[in-house]
Amino acid sequence: MEVWIMIIAMFALMYFLMIRPENKRKKEAQNMRDSLAVGDEITTIGGITGTICAVKENTIVIESGADRVRVELTKWAVSTKNAQGAEPATK
């Protein structure tokens, strides 16, 4: 009987320390990607930074660099949404 209680307690602890926080992070990332709008500054998972100039159902078009190169990316490739007007750090 005590063994079953320990096994159940171990699974409950694993759920609250590992699974639940990961699901919360995934939900926050999905909400951020769903709220992308034209004019937002973003950084992709590959490190590309740019300004969103078009939003489609599953993709976005960003404008990056001084020569204003436009690139179409899937929404899942967006890592972070930067604060408006914040410049990325340069070395």
C-alpha atoms as a PDB file:
ATOM      1  CA  MET A   1       0.000   0.000   0.000  1.00  0.00           C
ATOM      2  CA  GLU A   2       2.787   2.438   0.879  1.00  0.00           C
ATOM      3  CA  VAL A   3       4.520   1.695  -2.413  1.00  0.00           C
ATOM      4  CA  TRP A   4       1.441   2.776  -4.394  1.00  0.00           C
ATOM      5  CA  ILE A   5       1.210   6.020  -2.445  1.00  0.00           C
ATOM      6  CA  MET A   6       4.875   6.762  -3.194  1.00  0.00           C
ATOM      7  CA  ILE A   7       4.409   6.005  -6.917  1.00  0.00           C
ATOM      8  CA  ILE A   8       1.349   8.250  -7.128  1.00  0.00           C
ATOM      9  CA  ALA A   9       3.157  11.012  -5.231  1.00  0.00           C
ATOM     10  CA  MET A  10       6.133  10.716  -7.590  1.00  0.00           C
ATOM     11  CA  PHE A  11       3.906  11.064 -10.675  1.00  0.00           C
ATOM     12  CA  ALA A  12       2.099  14.050  -9.126  1.00  0.00           C
ATOM     13  CA  LEU A  13       5.419  15.719  -8.342  1.00  0.00           C
ATOM     14  CA  MET A  14       6.686  15.064 -11.877  1.00  0.00           C
ATOM     15  CA  TYR A  15       3.485  16.577 -13.311  1.00  0.00           C
ATOM     16  CA  PHE A  16       3.721  19.787 -11.270  1.00  0.00           C
ATOM     17  CA  LEU A  17       7.484  20.249 -11.740  1.00  0.00           C
ATOM     18  CA  MET A  18       7.940  19.227 -15.391  1.00  0.00           C
ATOM     19  CA  ILE A  19       4.827  18.721 -17.490  1.00  0.00           C
ATOM     20  CA  ARG A  20       2.625  21.599 -16.336  1.00  0.00           C
ATOM     21  CA  PRO A  21       5.270  24.364 -16.729  1.00  0.00           C
ATOM     22  CA  GLU A  22       6.156  23.096 -20.222  1.00  0.00           C
ATOM     23  CA  ASN A  23       2.503  23.163 -21.297  1.00  0.00           C
ATOM     24  CA  LYS A  24       2.210  26.699 -19.905  1.00  0.00           C
ATOM     25  CA  ARG A  25       5.274  27.851 -21.915  1.00  0.00           C
ATOM     26  CA  LYS A  26       3.853  26.297 -25.087  1.00  0.00           C
ATOM     27  CA  LYS A  27       0.508  28.022 -24.574  1.00  0.00           C
ATOM     28  CA  GLU A  28       2.199  31.414 -23.992  1.00  0.00           C
ATOM     29  CA  ALA A  29       4.310  30.997 -27.140  1.00  0.00           C
ATOM     30  CA  GLN A  30       1.231  30.096 -29.195  1.00  0.00           C
ATOM     31  CA  ASN A  31      -0.671  33.117 -27.845  1.00  0.00           C
ATOM     32  CA  MET A  32       2.284  35.360 -28.751  1.00  0.00           C
ATOM     33  CA  ARG A  33       2.383  33.944 -32.300  1.00  0.00           C
ATOM     34  CA  ASP A  34      -1.388  34.351 -32.690  1.00  0.00           C
ATOM     35  CA  SER A  35      -1.174  38.011 -31.620  1.00  0.00           C
ATOM     36  CA  LEU A  36       1.470  39.050 -34.166  1.00  0.00           C
ATOM     37  CA  ALA A  37       0.523  42.203 -36.056  1.00  0.00           C
ATOM     38  CA  VAL A  38       1.967  44.430 -38.744  1.00  0.00           C
ATOM     39  CA  GLY A  39       4.682  46.672 -37.318  1.00  0.00           C
ATOM     40  CA  ASP A  40       5.808  44.307 -34.553  1.00  0.00           C
ATOM     41  CA  GLU A  41       9.548  43.793 -34.150  1.00  0.00           C
ATOM     42  CA  ILE A  42      10.355  40.066 -33.958  1.00  0.00           C
ATOM     43  CA  THR A  43      13.289  37.698 -33.655  1.00  0.00           C
ATOM     44  CA  THR A  44      13.147  34.290 -35.310  1.00  0.00           C
ATOM     45  CA  ILE A  45      14.499  31.030 -33.914  1.00  0.00           C
ATOM     46  CA  GLY A  46      17.348  31.409 -36.407  1.00  0.00           C
ATOM     47  CA  GLY A  47      18.296  34.836 -35.021  1.00  0.00           C
ATOM     48  CA  ILE A  48      16.890  36.985 -37.840  1.00  0.00           C
ATOM     49  CA  THR A  49      15.357  40.227 -36.604  1.00  0.00           C
ATOM     50  CA  GLY A  50      12.905  42.329 -38.531  1.00  0.00           C
ATOM     51  CA  THR A  51       9.617  44.172 -38.679  1.00  0.00           C
ATOM     52  CA  ILE A  52       6.428  42.405 -39.712  1.00  0.00           C
ATOM     53  CA  CYS A  53       4.965  43.915 -42.878  1.00  0.00           C
ATOM     54  CA  ALA A  54       2.266  41.294 -43.656  1.00  0.00           C
ATOM     55  CA  VAL A  55       0.424  38.666 -41.612  1.00  0.00           C
ATOM     56  CA  LYS A  56      -1.274  35.673 -43.223  1.00  0.00           C
ATOM     57  CA  GLU A  57      -2.984  32.660 -41.677  1.00  0.00           C
ATOM     58  CA  ASN A  58       0.127  30.510 -41.170  1.00  0.00           C
ATOM     59  CA  THR A  59       2.914  32.797 -42.364  1.00  0.00           C
ATOM     60  CA  ILE A  60       4.286  36.292 -41.870  1.00  0.00           C
ATOM     61  CA  VAL A  61       6.418  38.527 -44.086  1.00  0.00           C
ATOM     62  CA  ILE A  62       9.188  40.418 -42.326  1.00  0.00           C
ATOM     63  CA  GLU A  63      11.379  43.250 -43.529  1.00  0.00           C
ATOM     64  CA  SER A  64      14.949  42.988 -42.334  1.00  0.00           C
ATOM     65  CA  GLY A  65      18.172  44.942 -42.744  1.00  0.00           C
ATOM     66  CA  ALA A  66      19.094  48.319 -44.132  1.00  0.00           C
ATOM     67  CA  ASP A  67      18.357  47.205 -47.702  1.00  0.00           C
ATOM     68  CA  ARG A  68      14.810  46.244 -46.638  1.00  0.00           C
ATOM     69  CA  VAL A  69      14.926  42.583 -47.644  1.00  0.00           C
ATOM     70  CA  ARG A  70      11.542  40.881 -47.284  1.00  0.00           C
ATOM     71  CA  VAL A  71      11.345  37.256 -46.155  1.00  0.00           C
ATOM     72  CA  GLU A  72       8.263  35.062 -45.720  1.00  0.00           C
ATOM     73  CA  LEU A  73       8.383  32.822 -42.643  1.00  0.00           C
ATOM     74  CA  THR A  74       6.012  30.430 -40.927  1.00  0.00           C
ATOM     75  CA  LYS A  75       4.615  31.720 -37.642  1.00  0.00           C
ATOM     76  CA  TRP A  76       6.161  28.884 -35.622  1.00  0.00           C
ATOM     77  CA  ALA A  77       9.618  30.246 -36.565  1.00  0.00           C
ATOM     78  CA  VAL A  78       9.061  33.360 -34.420  1.00  0.00           C
ATOM     79  CA  SER A  79      10.995  33.161 -31.173  1.00  0.00           C
ATOM     80  CA  THR A  80      10.241  36.479 -29.477  1.00  0.00           C
ATOM     81  CA  LYS A  81       8.314  39.658 -30.038  1.00  0.00           C
ATOM     82  CA  ASN A  82      10.529  42.612 -29.140  1.00  0.00           C
ATOM     83  CA  ALA A  83       9.366  45.844 -27.530  1.00  0.00           C
ATOM     84  CA  GLN A  84       8.339  48.559 -29.986  1.00  0.00           C
ATOM     85  CA  GLY A  85      11.238  50.831 -30.864  1.00  0.00           C
ATOM     86  CA  ALA A  86      13.812  48.660 -29.110  1.00  0.00           C
ATOM     87  CA  GLU A  87      16.946  48.185 -31.153  1.00  0.00           C
ATOM     88  CA  PRO A  88      18.706  44.809 -31.010  1.00  0.00           C
ATOM     89  CA  ALA A  89      22.075  44.853 -29.292  1.00  0.00           C
ATOM     90  CA  THR A  90      25.030  45.109 -31.668  1.00  0.00           C
ATOM     91  CA  LYS A  91      28.695  44.444 -31.039  1.00  0.00           C
END
